[in-house]
Amino acid sequence: MPTVRSHVRAAAVMVALLLLVLAACAPRAVAFDTPAAREAERAAYEAYHRMELGRLRLGVYTTNVLVDLDLPRGARITVEAFEDDDYQLRLTSEAALEIAWLVTPRGVRRVAQ
């Protein structure tokens, strides 16, 4: 007849195995909290502010304000939609391949790639 101690040990082993299985199924951490990813996000916010200031000065949105935007190494901005009163830019970075930043008149939003 098994002792209470062996039941406790078996239960502890089962809990440990369950935790290992659950940890293997957990989603991986997204690398958006690295210094390079933070620099890319900063550039996305700078692009947003430049676009808004350009609209205040000229009355319409223009990508001319982004010509001298200092992008971090491996980052790029793609114009996905553009009109006089609306735009959508996508900033991607080699430093954070899993995410991108959408820049619109409503602000900056981090999205999965």
N, C-alpha and C. Protein backbone atom coordinates (compact mmCIF):
# COMPACT_ATOMS: atom_id res chain seq x y z
N MET A 1 0.84 -1.18 0.00
CA MET A 1 0.00 0.00 0.00
C MET A 1 0.89 1.24 0.00
N PRO A 2 0.66 2.18 -0.96
CA PRO A 2 1.48 3.38 -1.02
C PRO A 2 1.27 4.27 0.20
N THR A 3 2.33 4.94 0.56
CA THR A 3 2.26 5.84 1.70
C THR A 3 1.79 7.22 1.26
N VAL A 4 1.43 8.03 2.23
CA VAL A 4 0.99 9.40 1.96
C VAL A 4 2.13 10.20 1.34
N ARG A 5 3.33 9.92 1.79
CA ARG A 5 4.50 10.63 1.27
C ARG A 5 4.68 10.37 -0.23
N SER A 6 4.45 9.17 -0.70
CA SER A 6 4.61 8.88 -2.12
C SER A 6 3.50 9.55 -2.93
N HIS A 7 2.30 9.69 -2.39
CA HIS A 7 1.21 10.41 -3.07
C HIS A 7 1.55 11.89 -3.21
N VAL A 8 2.12 12.46 -2.17
CA VAL A 8 2.51 13.87 -2.21
C VAL A 8 3.61 14.07 -3.24
N ARG A 9 4.58 13.17 -3.27
CA ARG A 9 5.66 13.26 -4.23
C ARG A 9 5.12 13.12 -5.66
N ALA A 10 4.22 12.21 -5.89
CA ALA A 10 3.64 12.02 -7.22
C ALA A 10 2.83 13.25 -7.64
N ALA A 11 2.11 13.82 -6.70
CA ALA A 11 1.34 15.04 -7.00
C ALA A 11 2.27 16.20 -7.34
N ALA A 12 3.38 16.31 -6.64
CA ALA A 12 4.34 17.38 -6.91
C ALA A 12 4.96 17.21 -8.29
N VAL A 13 5.26 15.99 -8.67
CA VAL A 13 5.83 15.72 -9.99
C VAL A 13 4.81 16.06 -11.07
N MET A 14 3.55 15.71 -10.86
CA MET A 14 2.50 16.01 -11.84
C MET A 14 2.30 17.51 -11.99
N VAL A 15 2.34 18.25 -10.90
CA VAL A 15 2.20 19.71 -10.96
C VAL A 15 3.38 20.31 -11.71
N ALA A 16 4.57 19.81 -11.45
CA ALA A 16 5.76 20.32 -12.15
C ALA A 16 5.66 20.04 -13.65
N LEU A 17 5.22 18.86 -14.03
CA LEU A 17 5.05 18.54 -15.44
C LEU A 17 3.98 19.41 -16.09
N LEU A 18 2.91 19.65 -15.37
CA LEU A 18 1.84 20.51 -15.89
C LEU A 18 2.36 21.93 -16.12
N LEU A 19 3.15 22.44 -15.19
CA LEU A 19 3.72 23.77 -15.34
C LEU A 19 4.66 23.84 -16.53
N LEU A 20 5.45 22.80 -16.75
CA LEU A 20 6.34 22.77 -17.91
C LEU A 20 5.56 22.76 -19.22
N VAL A 21 4.48 21.99 -19.26
CA VAL A 21 3.66 21.94 -20.48
C VAL A 21 3.01 23.30 -20.73
N LEU A 22 2.48 23.91 -19.70
CA LEU A 22 1.85 25.22 -19.85
C LEU A 22 2.87 26.28 -20.25
N ALA A 23 4.07 26.21 -19.72
CA ALA A 23 5.10 27.19 -20.09
C ALA A 23 5.49 27.02 -21.56
N ALA A 24 5.51 25.80 -22.04
CA ALA A 24 5.84 25.58 -23.45
C ALA A 24 4.76 26.11 -24.37
N CYS A 25 3.52 26.15 -23.92
CA CYS A 25 2.41 26.63 -24.74
C CYS A 25 2.22 28.14 -24.65
N ALA A 26 2.86 28.77 -23.69
CA ALA A 26 2.68 30.21 -23.50
C ALA A 26 3.26 30.98 -24.68
N PRO A 27 2.61 32.09 -25.06
CA PRO A 27 3.17 32.88 -26.17
C PRO A 27 4.53 33.45 -25.79
N ARG A 28 5.37 33.56 -26.76
CA ARG A 28 6.71 34.11 -26.55
C ARG A 28 6.62 35.61 -26.31
N ALA A 29 7.55 36.11 -25.55
CA ALA A 29 7.58 37.56 -25.27
C ALA A 29 7.94 38.30 -26.56
N VAL A 30 7.24 39.36 -26.84
CA VAL A 30 7.52 40.17 -28.02
C VAL A 30 8.65 41.12 -27.68
N ALA A 31 9.57 41.26 -28.61
CA ALA A 31 10.77 42.05 -28.35
C ALA A 31 10.53 43.53 -28.62
N PHE A 32 9.49 44.12 -28.02
CA PHE A 32 9.27 45.55 -28.23
C PHE A 32 9.80 46.37 -27.07
N ASP A 33 10.45 45.73 -26.13
CA ASP A 33 10.99 46.47 -25.01
C ASP A 33 12.52 46.50 -25.05
N THR A 34 13.06 46.44 -26.25
CA THR A 34 14.51 46.55 -26.40
C THR A 34 14.84 48.00 -26.73
N PRO A 35 16.07 48.43 -26.51
CA PRO A 35 16.43 49.81 -26.85
C PRO A 35 16.18 50.14 -28.32
N ALA A 36 16.47 49.21 -29.22
CA ALA A 36 16.26 49.47 -30.65
C ALA A 36 14.77 49.60 -30.98
N ALA A 37 13.94 48.78 -30.37
CA ALA A 37 12.50 48.88 -30.61
C ALA A 37 11.94 50.18 -30.03
N ARG A 38 12.45 50.60 -28.88
CA ARG A 38 12.00 51.88 -28.31
C ARG A 38 12.40 53.04 -29.21
N GLU A 39 13.56 52.95 -29.86
CA GLU A 39 13.97 53.99 -30.81
C GLU A 39 13.05 54.02 -32.02
N ALA A 40 12.63 52.85 -32.48
CA ALA A 40 11.69 52.80 -33.61
C ALA A 40 10.35 53.41 -33.21
N GLU A 41 9.89 53.12 -32.01
CA GLU A 41 8.63 53.70 -31.54
C GLU A 41 8.75 55.22 -31.40
N ARG A 42 9.89 55.68 -30.93
CA ARG A 42 10.12 57.12 -30.83
C ARG A 42 10.04 57.77 -32.20
N ALA A 43 10.61 57.11 -33.19
CA ALA A 43 10.55 57.64 -34.56
C ALA A 43 9.12 57.68 -35.08
N ALA A 44 8.30 56.69 -34.71
CA ALA A 44 6.89 56.68 -35.13
C ALA A 44 6.17 57.88 -34.51
N TYR A 45 6.42 58.15 -33.24
CA TYR A 45 5.78 59.31 -32.60
C TYR A 45 6.28 60.62 -33.20
N GLU A 46 7.57 60.66 -33.55
CA GLU A 46 8.09 61.87 -34.18
C GLU A 46 7.44 62.08 -35.55
N ALA A 47 7.23 61.00 -36.30
CA ALA A 47 6.56 61.12 -37.60
C ALA A 47 5.14 61.64 -37.42
N TYR A 48 4.45 61.14 -36.40
CA TYR A 48 3.09 61.62 -36.12
C TYR A 48 3.09 63.12 -35.83
N HIS A 49 3.97 63.56 -34.96
CA HIS A 49 3.99 64.98 -34.60
C HIS A 49 4.39 65.86 -35.78
N ARG A 50 5.32 65.38 -36.60
CA ARG A 50 5.69 66.15 -37.78
C ARG A 50 4.52 66.27 -38.76
N MET A 51 3.78 65.19 -38.94
CA MET A 51 2.64 65.24 -39.85
C MET A 51 1.59 66.22 -39.33
N GLU A 52 1.35 66.21 -38.04
CA GLU A 52 0.34 67.11 -37.47
C GLU A 52 0.79 68.57 -37.53
N LEU A 53 2.07 68.82 -37.24
CA LEU A 53 2.57 70.19 -37.35
C LEU A 53 2.54 70.68 -38.80
N GLY A 54 2.86 69.78 -39.74
CA GLY A 54 2.78 70.14 -41.15
C GLY A 54 1.37 70.52 -41.57
N ARG A 55 0.40 69.81 -41.04
CA ARG A 55 -1.00 70.14 -41.36
C ARG A 55 -1.39 71.49 -40.76
N LEU A 56 -0.92 71.77 -39.56
CA LEU A 56 -1.22 73.08 -38.95
C LEU A 56 -0.61 74.21 -39.77
N ARG A 57 0.59 74.00 -40.29
CA ARG A 57 1.27 75.05 -41.06
C ARG A 57 0.69 75.22 -42.46
N LEU A 58 0.37 74.09 -43.12
CA LEU A 58 -0.01 74.14 -44.53
C LEU A 58 -1.51 73.94 -44.80
N GLY A 59 -2.22 73.42 -43.82
CA GLY A 59 -3.65 73.17 -44.00
C GLY A 59 -3.97 71.80 -44.55
N VAL A 60 -2.97 71.06 -45.01
CA VAL A 60 -3.14 69.69 -45.50
C VAL A 60 -1.96 68.85 -45.03
N TYR A 61 -2.14 67.53 -45.05
CA TYR A 61 -1.03 66.65 -44.71
C TYR A 61 -0.07 66.57 -45.88
N THR A 62 1.21 66.48 -45.58
CA THR A 62 2.24 66.31 -46.60
C THR A 62 3.36 65.45 -46.05
N THR A 63 3.88 64.57 -46.87
CA THR A 63 5.00 63.74 -46.43
C THR A 63 6.33 64.48 -46.54
N ASN A 64 6.32 65.69 -47.08
CA ASN A 64 7.55 66.47 -47.16
C ASN A 64 8.18 66.69 -45.79
N VAL A 65 7.34 66.71 -44.75
CA VAL A 65 7.85 66.95 -43.39
C VAL A 65 8.65 65.76 -42.87
N LEU A 66 8.59 64.63 -43.57
CA LEU A 66 9.30 63.42 -43.12
C LEU A 66 10.65 63.23 -43.81
N VAL A 67 10.99 64.13 -44.72
CA VAL A 67 12.20 63.95 -45.53
C VAL A 67 13.44 63.82 -44.67
N ASP A 68 13.58 64.64 -43.66
CA ASP A 68 14.79 64.59 -42.83
C ASP A 68 14.55 63.90 -41.49
N LEU A 69 13.50 63.06 -41.39
CA LEU A 69 13.24 62.31 -40.17
C LEU A 69 14.38 61.32 -39.94
N ASP A 70 14.94 61.35 -38.75
CA ASP A 70 16.07 60.49 -38.40
C ASP A 70 15.55 59.13 -37.95
N LEU A 71 15.56 58.17 -38.87
CA LEU A 71 15.11 56.82 -38.55
C LEU A 71 16.26 56.00 -37.99
N PRO A 72 15.97 55.14 -37.02
CA PRO A 72 17.03 54.27 -36.51
C PRO A 72 17.47 53.27 -37.59
N ARG A 73 18.63 52.72 -37.44
CA ARG A 73 19.15 51.74 -38.40
C ARG A 73 18.18 50.56 -38.50
N GLY A 74 17.83 50.17 -39.72
CA GLY A 74 16.95 49.03 -39.94
C GLY A 74 15.47 49.37 -39.91
N ALA A 75 15.12 50.64 -39.72
CA ALA A 75 13.71 51.04 -39.69
C ALA A 75 13.33 51.70 -41.00
N ARG A 76 12.06 51.57 -41.36
CA ARG A 76 11.57 52.26 -42.55
C ARG A 76 10.10 52.60 -42.38
N ILE A 77 9.70 53.67 -43.08
CA ILE A 77 8.31 54.11 -43.07
C ILE A 77 7.72 53.87 -44.44
N THR A 78 6.55 53.26 -44.47
CA THR A 78 5.84 53.00 -45.72
C THR A 78 4.53 53.79 -45.68
N VAL A 79 4.23 54.52 -46.74
CA VAL A 79 2.95 55.24 -46.85
C VAL A 79 1.94 54.23 -47.37
N GLU A 80 0.94 53.91 -46.55
CA GLU A 80 -0.08 52.94 -46.95
C GLU A 80 -1.33 53.61 -47.51
N ALA A 81 -1.65 54.79 -47.02
CA ALA A 81 -2.81 55.55 -47.52
C ALA A 81 -2.50 57.02 -47.33
N PHE A 82 -2.94 57.83 -48.28
CA PHE A 82 -2.63 59.24 -48.17
C PHE A 82 -3.66 60.08 -48.92
N GLU A 83 -4.22 61.06 -48.24
CA GLU A 83 -5.12 62.06 -48.81
C GLU A 83 -4.80 63.39 -48.15
N ASP A 84 -5.46 64.45 -48.60
CA ASP A 84 -5.21 65.77 -48.00
C ASP A 84 -5.56 65.81 -46.51
N ASP A 85 -6.58 65.04 -46.11
CA ASP A 85 -7.05 65.12 -44.72
C ASP A 85 -6.91 63.81 -43.96
N ASP A 86 -6.19 62.84 -44.51
CA ASP A 86 -6.03 61.56 -43.83
C ASP A 86 -4.77 60.87 -44.36
N TYR A 87 -4.19 60.02 -43.56
CA TYR A 87 -3.01 59.26 -43.97
C TYR A 87 -2.86 58.04 -43.08
N GLN A 88 -2.09 57.08 -43.55
CA GLN A 88 -1.69 55.95 -42.73
C GLN A 88 -0.27 55.57 -43.13
N LEU A 89 0.62 55.64 -42.16
CA LEU A 89 2.01 55.26 -42.34
C LEU A 89 2.27 54.02 -41.51
N ARG A 90 3.16 53.16 -41.98
CA ARG A 90 3.55 51.97 -41.22
C ARG A 90 5.06 52.03 -41.02
N LEU A 91 5.49 52.04 -39.77
CA LEU A 91 6.90 52.01 -39.46
C LEU A 91 7.26 50.59 -39.04
N THR A 92 8.24 50.01 -39.71
CA THR A 92 8.72 48.68 -39.36
C THR A 92 10.20 48.78 -39.03
N SER A 93 10.67 47.81 -38.29
CA SER A 93 12.07 47.82 -37.87
C SER A 93 12.61 46.40 -37.83
N GLU A 94 13.83 46.26 -38.27
CA GLU A 94 14.50 44.96 -38.15
C GLU A 94 14.74 44.60 -36.68
N ALA A 95 14.69 45.59 -35.80
CA ALA A 95 14.91 45.34 -34.37
C ALA A 95 13.70 44.71 -33.70
N ALA A 96 12.53 44.80 -34.34
CA ALA A 96 11.30 44.23 -33.77
C ALA A 96 10.46 43.70 -34.93
N LEU A 97 10.80 42.53 -35.41
CA LEU A 97 10.15 41.96 -36.58
C LEU A 97 8.70 41.56 -36.33
N GLU A 98 8.33 41.34 -35.07
CA GLU A 98 6.99 40.87 -34.75
C GLU A 98 5.95 41.99 -34.74
N ILE A 99 6.40 43.24 -34.68
CA ILE A 99 5.46 44.36 -34.54
C ILE A 99 5.77 45.46 -35.53
N ALA A 100 4.78 46.32 -35.72
CA ALA A 100 4.93 47.53 -36.54
C ALA A 100 4.17 48.63 -35.82
N TRP A 101 4.38 49.85 -36.23
CA TRP A 101 3.67 50.99 -35.66
C TRP A 101 2.88 51.66 -36.77
N LEU A 102 1.57 51.77 -36.58
CA LEU A 102 0.73 52.50 -37.52
C LEU A 102 0.63 53.93 -37.06
N VAL A 103 0.88 54.85 -37.96
CA VAL A 103 0.82 56.28 -37.67
C VAL A 103 -0.33 56.85 -38.49
N THR A 104 -1.33 57.40 -37.81
CA THR A 104 -2.49 58.01 -38.45
C THR A 104 -2.79 59.32 -37.76
N PRO A 105 -3.75 60.11 -38.28
CA PRO A 105 -4.12 61.34 -37.56
C PRO A 105 -4.65 61.08 -36.14
N ARG A 106 -5.02 59.85 -35.86
CA ARG A 106 -5.51 59.52 -34.52
C ARG A 106 -4.40 59.15 -33.56
N GLY A 107 -3.15 59.06 -34.07
CA GLY A 107 -2.02 58.77 -33.19
C GLY A 107 -1.19 57.61 -33.69
N VAL A 108 -0.42 57.03 -32.78
CA VAL A 108 0.46 55.90 -33.08
C VAL A 108 -0.09 54.67 -32.37
N ARG A 109 -0.13 53.57 -33.13
CA ARG A 109 -0.66 52.33 -32.56
C ARG A 109 0.28 51.19 -32.93
N ARG A 110 0.63 50.40 -31.93
CA ARG A 110 1.48 49.23 -32.15
C ARG A 110 0.59 48.07 -32.61
N VAL A 111 1.00 47.39 -33.70
CA VAL A 111 0.23 46.27 -34.23
C VAL A 111 1.16 45.09 -34.51
N ALA A 112 0.59 43.90 -34.52
CA ALA A 112 1.37 42.70 -34.85
C ALA A 112 1.57 42.64 -36.36
N GLN A 113 2.69 42.11 -36.77
CA GLN A 113 2.97 41.97 -38.21
C GLN A 113 2.42 40.65 -38.70
